[in-house]
Amino acid sequence: MSKSDTDWKKKLDPEQYHVLREKGTEAPGSGKYVDFYEDGMYHCAACGQALFGSDTKYESTAPGLIGWPAFSEAADKGAVKLQDDDSMGMHRTEVVCANCDSHLGHLFADDSSPNGQHYCINSVCLDFKSKK
């Protein structure tokens, strides 16, 4: 999916643009999906791609990872892409939407996760669609 910066700025609000297109991060605990547990699917706020099922959302207890929605796995193998991120003086694994290349968050190891991996995703990057 190819859009110009001008098109993204028209589609996204300023916070969404900062996080999704400039690789920002929302403040911990501030996102609308941190303490949200309805049944459904989380989609990319930029393009609508299905990203994470509610059945993979969990409450992380890992220090430094609390305050953002946590998912143990993506909706399917093609939903997200993982890429190296060496910004901020450390190595991390960035999670981006496979459809529009928008920044979503990062993937970390997490012993509190059902499978040991933690997709730490910014709420502002997500749109939720209920199963109801």
Protein backbone atom coordinates (compact mmCIF):
# COMPACT_ATOMS: atom_id res chain seq x y z
CA MET A 1 0.00 0.00 0.00
CA SER A 2 1.58 3.23 -1.13
CA LYS A 3 0.42 6.62 0.15
CA SER A 4 2.14 9.95 0.31
CA ASP A 5 2.87 11.68 3.62
CA THR A 6 0.15 14.19 2.74
CA ASP A 7 -2.39 11.38 2.28
CA TRP A 8 -1.42 9.76 5.62
CA LYS A 9 -1.75 13.13 7.39
CA LYS A 10 -5.27 13.52 5.96
CA LYS A 11 -6.31 10.01 7.02
CA LEU A 12 -4.75 9.85 10.52
CA ASP A 13 -5.09 12.13 13.52
CA PRO A 14 -1.81 13.71 14.76
CA GLU A 15 -1.14 11.07 17.44
CA GLN A 16 -1.85 8.21 15.04
CA TYR A 17 0.41 9.79 12.42
CA HIS A 18 3.22 10.21 14.97
CA VAL A 19 3.09 6.59 16.13
CA LEU A 20 2.13 4.80 12.90
CA ARG A 21 4.25 6.77 10.42
CA GLU A 22 7.03 8.33 12.58
CA LYS A 23 7.54 5.29 14.86
CA GLY A 24 6.47 7.07 18.04
CA THR A 25 5.10 5.50 21.21
CA GLU A 26 2.05 6.43 23.25
CA ALA A 27 2.47 6.95 27.00
CA PRO A 28 2.09 3.73 29.04
CA GLY A 29 -1.41 3.23 30.42
CA SER A 30 -2.90 5.91 28.18
CA GLY A 31 -4.31 3.76 25.36
CA LYS A 32 -7.98 2.83 25.06
CA TYR A 33 -7.21 -0.88 24.60
CA VAL A 34 -4.96 -1.41 27.64
CA ASP A 35 -7.79 -2.61 29.91
CA PHE A 36 -10.17 -3.68 27.14
CA TYR A 37 -11.30 -7.30 26.83
CA GLU A 38 -14.18 -7.62 24.36
CA ASP A 39 -14.38 -10.51 21.92
CA GLY A 40 -13.34 -9.62 18.38
CA MET A 41 -10.46 -8.58 16.12
CA TYR A 42 -7.94 -5.74 16.30
CA HIS A 43 -7.20 -4.11 12.93
CA CYS A 44 -4.57 -1.65 11.72
CA ALA A 45 -5.89 1.89 12.24
CA ALA A 46 -4.10 3.02 9.07
CA CYS A 47 -5.28 0.43 6.52
CA GLY A 48 -7.77 -1.93 8.18
CA GLN A 49 -5.64 -5.11 7.99
CA ALA A 50 -6.66 -7.73 10.61
CA LEU A 51 -3.74 -7.93 13.08
CA PHE A 52 -4.58 -9.60 16.41
CA GLY A 53 -7.48 -11.67 17.71
CA SER A 54 -8.88 -10.88 21.15
CA ASP A 55 -8.19 -14.51 22.13
CA THR A 56 -4.44 -13.73 22.00
CA LYS A 57 -4.64 -10.61 24.21
CA TYR A 58 -3.34 -11.04 27.74
CA GLU A 59 -2.23 -9.02 30.76
CA SER A 60 1.55 -8.87 30.84
CA THR A 61 3.34 -8.74 34.18
CA ALA A 62 6.78 -8.18 32.64
CA PRO A 63 8.50 -5.08 34.07
CA GLY A 64 8.78 -2.34 31.46
CA LEU A 65 6.07 -3.88 29.25
CA ILE A 66 3.01 -3.05 31.35
CA GLY A 67 0.75 -0.29 30.04
CA TRP A 68 0.28 -1.26 26.40
CA PRO A 69 -1.96 -3.92 24.86
CA ALA A 70 -0.14 -7.28 24.87
CA PHE A 71 -0.75 -10.06 22.36
CA SER A 72 0.88 -13.49 22.27
CA GLU A 73 0.59 -13.91 18.49
CA ALA A 74 -0.59 -12.20 15.31
CA ALA A 75 -3.90 -13.07 13.62
CA ASP A 76 -2.03 -14.94 10.91
CA LYS A 77 1.55 -15.27 9.67
CA GLY A 78 1.07 -12.61 7.01
CA ALA A 79 -0.57 -9.96 9.23
CA VAL A 80 2.60 -8.32 10.53
CA LYS A 81 6.27 -8.07 9.59
CA LEU A 82 9.17 -8.09 12.00
CA GLN A 83 12.26 -5.96 11.40
CA ASP A 84 15.38 -5.00 13.29
CA ASP A 85 15.21 -1.73 15.24
CA ASP A 86 18.51 -0.40 16.60
CA SER A 87 17.15 3.00 17.64
CA MET A 88 17.37 4.40 21.18
CA GLY A 89 20.75 2.75 21.80
CA MET A 90 19.39 -0.81 21.94
CA HIS A 91 18.39 -3.68 19.69
CA ARG A 92 14.67 -4.47 19.48
CA THR A 93 12.33 -6.18 17.04
CA GLU A 94 9.88 -3.75 15.48
CA VAL A 95 6.38 -4.91 14.53
CA VAL A 96 4.88 -3.31 11.41
CA CYS A 97 1.66 -3.87 9.50
CA ALA A 98 2.42 -6.19 6.57
CA ASN A 99 -0.05 -4.33 4.36
CA CYS A 100 0.90 -0.65 4.86
CA ASP A 101 4.26 -0.77 6.70
CA SER A 102 2.91 1.27 9.61
CA HIS A 103 4.77 0.99 12.92
CA LEU A 104 2.68 -0.86 15.52
CA GLY A 105 5.08 -1.55 18.39
CA HIS A 106 7.72 -4.13 19.29
CA LEU A 107 8.07 -7.85 19.96
CA PHE A 108 9.71 -8.91 23.23
CA ALA A 109 10.36 -12.11 25.15
CA ASP A 110 7.89 -12.37 28.04
CA ASP A 111 7.62 -15.26 30.49
CA SER A 112 4.07 -14.15 31.42
CA SER A 113 2.90 -14.72 27.82
CA PRO A 114 1.22 -18.01 26.91
CA ASN A 115 4.01 -18.71 24.38
CA GLY A 116 6.91 -16.60 25.65
CA GLN A 117 6.54 -13.76 23.15
CA HIS A 118 4.90 -10.39 23.69
CA TYR A 119 3.62 -8.17 20.90
CA CYS A 120 3.65 -4.81 22.71
CA ILE A 121 1.31 -2.73 20.53
CA ASN A 122 0.24 0.92 20.80
CA SER A 123 -3.55 1.31 21.19
CA VAL A 124 -3.57 4.26 18.82
CA CYS A 125 -2.45 1.87 16.04
CA LEU A 126 -5.52 -0.31 16.48
CA ASP A 127 -9.20 -0.31 15.56
CA PHE A 128 -11.34 -2.95 17.25
CA LYS A 129 -14.19 -4.77 15.56
CA SER A 130 -16.47 -6.74 17.88
CA LYS A 131 -17.68 -10.26 17.04
CA LYS A 132 -21.20 -9.14 18.01
